[in-house]
Amino acid sequence: MNRSPNGSTCSPATGEAHGLTSVFHRPRPVDAPALRLIGFHHAGGSAAVYRPLVHHLPDDWDLLLLDLPGRGRRAGQAPLHAMTDVVATAVADVLPWVDGTPLALFGHSMGAIVALETARSLEGLDRAPVWTGVSGRVAPRFSRPGETPLSTLDDEALLRVLHGLGGMPERITEAPDFLERFLRVVRADLTAVDHYRPDPFRSPLSSPLTVFGGTQDAWAPPSAMHLWRRETDSRYAQRFFPGGHFYFLGEHFRALTHQLVRHVDACRTATAPHVA
């Protein structure tokens, strides 16, 4: 795949002055934005994967890309092995930026879980996002009986799977130190994903949800994505693009961003027609 929490309730400006933005990549800071979009990366990845988004977003949108512990701006921190800890960290990082500006969340693969659970936590605090987008991940209630957890594979088998998914750093096996760090981080992320067990009886979101995916993604096939519909009582939509698990890398980044903006705007505008 591609290349501490804080509980502060200070404003973004105050948070920035105290260094709270260090956990985020903020490629194009926008003062008084019309909307703030927060991106959550995939297992083994970092915030850098979403940098191309900034070239296709509206000028008045502020983009914040979160690095979880173990990579990017948090490379010196130990990676987390439990989804409860991952989500608690993400929520604590996001909260200082919940200041009344409309908030949208987007995550791919593992990041889809983090986005969903962060949205649920924010709703519980009466700070619901206006929209959540999930990509490249089957719904929480979907299961593959008998599937071997990726986190239990040996290094060689795991690297084969990750290479097959695409998006791996080029020539990673030629840099032993980097490979060792990468495997440590990706195993922690995959352990969190493999042991993620949401309550099957919990209430769905009350805010909108859009699902994205690749038409040839064997890990999140379009035929299985409809189960995401159970995760919200609000507006729901699906969009698929040609390609596999990392369908959006390269030329399709623009198309994904266009659809993301379209769906967010539809959810922000009460009089907008339903996006089917």
Protein backbone atom coordinates (compact mmCIF):
# COMPACT_ATOMS: atom_id res chain seq x y z
CA MET A 1 0.00 0.00 0.00
CA ASN A 2 1.01 3.62 -0.47
CA ARG A 3 3.35 5.32 0.73
CA SER A 4 -1.38 11.88 21.00
CA PRO A 5 -4.60 12.18 20.88
CA ASN A 6 -5.55 15.46 22.49
CA GLY A 7 -8.81 16.36 24.10
CA SER A 8 -8.57 20.09 23.62
CA THR A 9 -11.67 22.02 22.64
CA CYS A 10 -9.74 25.10 21.52
CA SER A 11 -10.50 26.78 18.22
CA PRO A 12 -8.46 25.90 15.11
CA ALA A 13 -6.55 29.16 15.33
CA THR A 14 -5.64 28.51 18.96
CA GLY A 15 -4.90 24.87 18.18
CA GLU A 16 -2.58 25.89 15.36
CA ALA A 17 -0.70 28.19 17.69
CA HIS A 18 -0.19 25.29 20.09
CA GLY A 19 0.96 22.87 17.41
CA LEU A 20 -2.17 20.73 17.23
CA THR A 21 -2.06 20.78 13.44
CA SER A 22 1.15 18.74 13.52
CA VAL A 23 -0.91 15.55 13.17
CA PHE A 24 -2.56 16.89 9.99
CA HIS A 25 -1.30 17.69 6.53
CA ARG A 26 -3.06 20.88 5.50
CA PRO A 27 -1.89 21.43 1.91
CA ARG A 28 -3.77 24.67 1.29
CA PRO A 29 -4.95 26.38 4.50
CA VAL A 30 -8.17 28.34 4.04
CA ASP A 31 -9.28 30.99 6.51
CA ALA A 32 -13.03 30.97 7.27
CA PRO A 33 -13.70 28.03 4.89
CA ALA A 34 -17.12 27.14 3.53
CA LEU A 35 -16.42 23.52 4.44
CA ARG A 36 -13.70 21.51 6.13
CA LEU A 37 -12.91 18.07 4.61
CA ILE A 38 -10.95 15.56 6.69
CA GLY A 39 -9.32 12.52 5.08
CA PHE A 40 -8.44 9.20 6.78
CA HIS A 41 -5.83 6.99 5.09
CA HIS A 42 -5.76 3.23 4.40
CA ALA A 43 -3.92 0.55 6.39
CA GLY A 44 -0.17 1.01 6.04
CA GLY A 45 -0.72 4.37 4.37
CA SER A 46 -0.40 7.99 5.38
CA ALA A 47 -2.09 11.32 4.78
CA ALA A 48 0.10 11.86 1.70
CA VAL A 49 -2.12 9.58 -0.40
CA TYR A 50 -4.84 12.26 -0.53
CA ARG A 51 -2.70 15.27 -1.45
CA PRO A 52 -3.99 15.30 -5.07
CA LEU A 53 -7.47 16.11 -3.73
CA VAL A 54 -6.44 19.68 -3.11
CA HIS A 55 -6.01 20.36 -6.85
CA HIS A 56 -9.68 19.61 -7.59
CA LEU A 57 -11.56 20.90 -4.52
CA PRO A 58 -13.39 24.24 -4.41
CA ASP A 59 -11.11 27.11 -3.44
CA ASP A 60 -13.06 27.79 -0.25
CA TRP A 61 -12.75 24.23 1.12
CA ASP A 62 -10.14 23.50 3.78
CA LEU A 63 -8.48 20.07 3.46
CA LEU A 64 -7.08 18.35 6.55
CA LEU A 65 -5.36 14.97 6.11
CA LEU A 66 -4.79 12.98 9.29
CA ASP A 67 -1.72 10.86 10.00
CA LEU A 68 -2.40 8.12 12.53
CA PRO A 69 0.42 7.13 14.92
CA GLY A 70 3.33 5.27 13.33
CA ARG A 71 3.68 7.19 10.06
CA GLY A 72 4.06 10.59 8.46
CA ARG A 73 4.08 13.34 11.05
CA ARG A 74 3.64 10.72 13.77
CA ALA A 75 6.40 8.38 12.64
CA GLY A 76 7.94 8.49 16.11
CA GLN A 77 4.79 7.22 17.81
CA ALA A 78 3.91 3.56 18.24
CA PRO A 79 1.15 2.37 15.87
CA LEU A 80 -2.17 1.40 17.40
CA HIS A 81 -3.46 -2.19 17.35
CA ALA A 82 -7.12 -1.70 18.36
CA MET A 83 -9.80 0.10 16.37
CA THR A 84 -11.21 1.61 19.57
CA ASP A 85 -7.86 3.34 20.14
CA VAL A 86 -7.60 4.39 16.50
CA VAL A 87 -11.05 5.98 16.56
CA ALA A 88 -10.52 7.62 19.96
CA THR A 89 -7.32 9.17 18.61
CA ALA A 90 -9.00 10.35 15.41
CA VAL A 91 -11.93 11.89 17.29
CA ALA A 92 -9.63 13.70 19.71
CA ASP A 93 -7.60 15.06 16.78
CA VAL A 94 -10.67 16.21 14.87
CA LEU A 95 -12.54 17.85 17.74
CA PRO A 96 -10.43 21.04 17.88
CA TRP A 97 -11.50 21.70 14.29
CA VAL A 98 -15.23 21.32 14.94
CA ASP A 99 -16.00 25.01 15.24
CA GLY A 100 -19.32 25.44 13.45
CA THR A 101 -17.83 25.17 9.97
CA PRO A 102 -19.56 22.39 8.01
CA LEU A 103 -17.50 19.23 8.32
CA ALA A 104 -17.19 16.33 5.86
CA LEU A 105 -15.28 13.07 6.40
CA PHE A 106 -13.75 10.71 3.85
CA GLY A 107 -11.81 7.48 4.27
CA HIS A 108 -10.55 4.65 2.08
CA SER A 109 -10.25 0.99 3.13
CA MET A 110 -9.28 1.05 6.83
CA GLY A 111 -9.92 4.80 6.63
CA ALA A 112 -13.55 4.05 5.74
CA ILE A 113 -14.01 2.44 9.17
CA VAL A 114 -12.26 5.34 10.86
CA ALA A 115 -14.43 7.87 9.00
CA LEU A 116 -17.64 6.00 9.86
CA GLU A 117 -16.82 5.57 13.54
CA THR A 118 -15.56 9.15 13.85
CA ALA A 119 -18.84 10.35 12.36
CA ARG A 120 -20.76 8.23 14.87
CA SER A 121 -18.73 9.64 17.76
CA LEU A 122 -19.24 13.22 16.57
CA GLU A 123 -22.98 12.63 16.25
CA GLY A 124 -22.97 11.43 19.84
CA LEU A 125 -21.43 14.77 20.81
CA ASP A 126 -24.06 16.70 18.79
CA ARG A 127 -21.38 17.68 16.28
CA ALA A 128 -22.45 15.55 13.33
CA PRO A 129 -20.65 15.98 10.00
CA VAL A 130 -22.74 17.12 7.06
CA TRP A 131 -21.52 14.11 5.06
CA THR A 132 -19.37 11.00 5.34
CA GLY A 133 -17.76 9.21 2.39
CA VAL A 134 -16.43 5.66 2.60
CA SER A 135 -14.37 3.92 -0.07
CA GLY A 136 -12.85 0.54 -0.85
CA ARG A 137 -14.22 -1.26 2.20
CA VAL A 138 -17.10 -3.68 2.67
CA ALA A 139 -19.77 -2.66 5.17
CA PRO A 140 -19.21 -3.39 8.86
CA ARG A 141 -21.95 -6.03 8.82
CA PHE A 142 -20.48 -7.91 5.84
CA SER A 143 -18.45 -11.01 6.64
CA ARG A 144 -16.40 -13.52 4.66
CA PRO A 145 -16.64 -16.83 6.57
CA GLY A 146 -13.34 -18.65 6.84
CA GLU A 147 -11.25 -15.80 5.47
CA THR A 148 -7.68 -15.73 6.84
CA PRO A 149 -7.01 -12.41 8.62
CA LEU A 150 -4.33 -10.47 6.74
CA SER A 151 -2.56 -9.58 9.98
CA THR A 152 -1.74 -13.28 10.57
CA LEU A 153 0.05 -13.84 7.23
CA ASP A 154 3.82 -14.17 7.19
CA ASP A 155 5.82 -11.32 5.68
CA GLU A 156 6.19 -12.88 2.23
CA ALA A 157 2.50 -13.77 1.92
CA LEU A 158 1.39 -10.38 3.24
CA LEU A 159 3.59 -8.51 0.77
CA ARG A 160 2.17 -10.58 -2.09
CA VAL A 161 -1.36 -9.62 -1.07
CA LEU A 162 -0.46 -5.95 -0.70
CA HIS A 163 1.31 -5.87 -4.06
CA GLY A 164 -1.79 -7.44 -5.59
CA LEU A 165 -3.98 -4.69 -4.17
CA GLY A 166 -1.75 -2.01 -5.70
CA GLY A 167 -0.56 1.27 -4.25
CA MET A 168 2.56 -0.21 -2.62
CA PRO A 169 5.64 2.01 -2.36
CA GLU A 170 7.90 1.28 -5.32
CA ARG A 171 10.98 -0.91 -4.71
CA ILE A 172 10.06 -1.24 -1.03
CA THR A 173 11.90 -4.55 -0.67
CA GLU A 174 15.15 -2.83 -1.66
CA ALA A 175 15.15 -0.74 1.53
CA PRO A 176 15.23 -3.20 4.47
CA ASP A 177 14.88 -0.57 7.21
CA PHE A 178 11.91 1.05 5.51
CA LEU A 179 10.35 -2.36 4.80
CA GLU A 180 10.65 -3.32 8.47
CA ARG A 181 8.95 -0.10 9.59
CA PHE A 182 6.27 -0.46 6.94
CA LEU A 183 5.44 -4.04 7.97
CA ARG A 184 5.27 -3.04 11.62
CA VAL A 185 2.78 -0.27 10.84
CA VAL A 186 0.67 -2.20 8.35
CA ARG A 187 0.42 -5.21 10.71
CA ALA A 188 -0.80 -2.95 13.51
CA ASP A 189 -3.39 -1.38 11.19
CA LEU A 190 -4.55 -4.75 9.86
CA THR A 191 -4.81 -6.13 13.41
CA ALA A 192 -7.15 -3.25 14.26
CA VAL A 193 -9.20 -3.96 11.12
CA ASP A 194 -9.27 -7.74 11.63
CA HIS A 195 -10.57 -7.39 15.20
CA TYR A 196 -13.10 -4.64 14.44
CA ARG A 197 -16.48 -5.90 15.65
CA PRO A 198 -19.17 -3.18 15.79
CA ASP A 199 -22.35 -3.76 17.75
CA PRO A 200 -24.83 -5.27 15.23
CA PHE A 201 -27.76 -3.63 17.05
CA ARG A 202 -26.45 -0.09 17.21
CA SER A 203 -28.38 2.80 15.68
CA PRO A 204 -27.42 3.99 12.19
CA LEU A 205 -26.07 7.43 11.43
CA SER A 206 -28.53 10.27 11.11
CA SER A 207 -26.26 12.06 8.61
CA PRO A 208 -25.67 11.33 4.88
CA LEU A 209 -23.37 8.59 3.63
CA THR A 210 -21.87 7.99 0.18
CA VAL A 211 -20.03 4.79 -0.79
CA PHE A 212 -17.27 4.73 -3.42
CA GLY A 213 -15.37 1.81 -4.92
CA GLY A 214 -13.61 0.23 -7.85
CA THR A 215 -15.52 -1.99 -10.26
CA GLN A 216 -12.75 -4.61 -10.14
CA ASP A 217 -11.97 -4.42 -6.42
CA ALA A 218 -11.99 -8.02 -5.15
CA TRP A 219 -11.70 -6.82 -1.53
CA ALA A 220 -14.70 -4.52 -1.75
CA PRO A 221 -16.78 -5.80 -4.69
CA PRO A 222 -19.66 -3.60 -5.84
CA SER A 223 -22.07 -6.50 -5.26
CA ALA A 224 -21.32 -6.38 -1.51
CA MET A 225 -21.38 -2.62 -1.00
CA HIS A 226 -25.17 -2.25 -0.70
CA LEU A 227 -24.95 -3.34 2.94
CA TRP A 228 -23.57 0.11 3.76
CA ARG A 229 -27.17 1.30 3.34
CA ARG A 230 -27.88 0.00 6.84
CA GLU A 231 -25.35 2.43 8.30
CA THR A 232 -27.46 5.56 7.84
CA ASP A 233 -31.06 6.68 8.10
CA SER A 234 -30.25 9.70 5.96
CA ARG A 235 -29.35 10.28 2.31
CA TYR A 236 -27.41 7.38 0.82
CA ALA A 237 -25.66 6.89 -2.53
CA GLN A 238 -23.06 4.70 -4.26
CA ARG A 239 -20.53 5.55 -6.96
CA PHE A 240 -18.09 3.16 -8.65
CA PHE A 241 -15.12 3.82 -10.90
CA PRO A 242 -13.09 1.59 -13.24
CA GLY A 243 -10.24 -0.11 -11.42
CA GLY A 244 -9.28 -2.18 -8.43
CA HIS A 245 -8.74 -1.44 -4.76
CA PHE A 246 -6.79 1.77 -5.41
CA TYR A 247 -9.00 2.83 -8.30
CA PHE A 248 -8.57 6.53 -7.54
CA LEU A 249 -4.80 6.75 -7.89
CA GLY A 250 -3.67 8.58 -11.01
CA GLU A 251 -6.17 9.73 -13.61
CA HIS A 252 -9.30 8.89 -11.59
CA PHE A 253 -8.46 11.23 -8.69
CA ARG A 254 -10.18 14.09 -10.52
CA ALA A 255 -13.34 12.04 -11.15
CA LEU A 256 -13.51 10.88 -7.53
CA THR A 257 -13.06 14.41 -6.25
CA HIS A 258 -15.74 15.71 -8.62
CA GLN A 259 -18.23 13.16 -7.28
CA LEU A 260 -17.19 13.81 -3.68
CA VAL A 261 -17.82 17.55 -4.08
CA ARG A 262 -21.13 16.91 -5.85
CA HIS A 263 -22.43 14.69 -3.06
CA VAL A 264 -21.25 16.98 -0.27
CA ASP A 265 -22.89 19.99 -1.93
CA ALA A 266 -26.15 18.08 -2.41
CA CYS A 267 -26.21 17.23 1.29
CA ARG A 268 -25.41 20.79 2.34
CA THR A 269 -28.20 22.30 0.25
CA ALA A 270 -31.64 21.47 1.62
CA THR A 271 -33.34 22.26 -1.68
CA ALA A 272 -30.94 20.20 -3.79
CA PRO A 273 -32.46 17.26 -5.71
CA HIS A 274 -31.80 13.77 -4.39
CA VAL A 275 -28.54 12.29 -5.72
CA ALA A 276 -29.47 8.77 -6.88
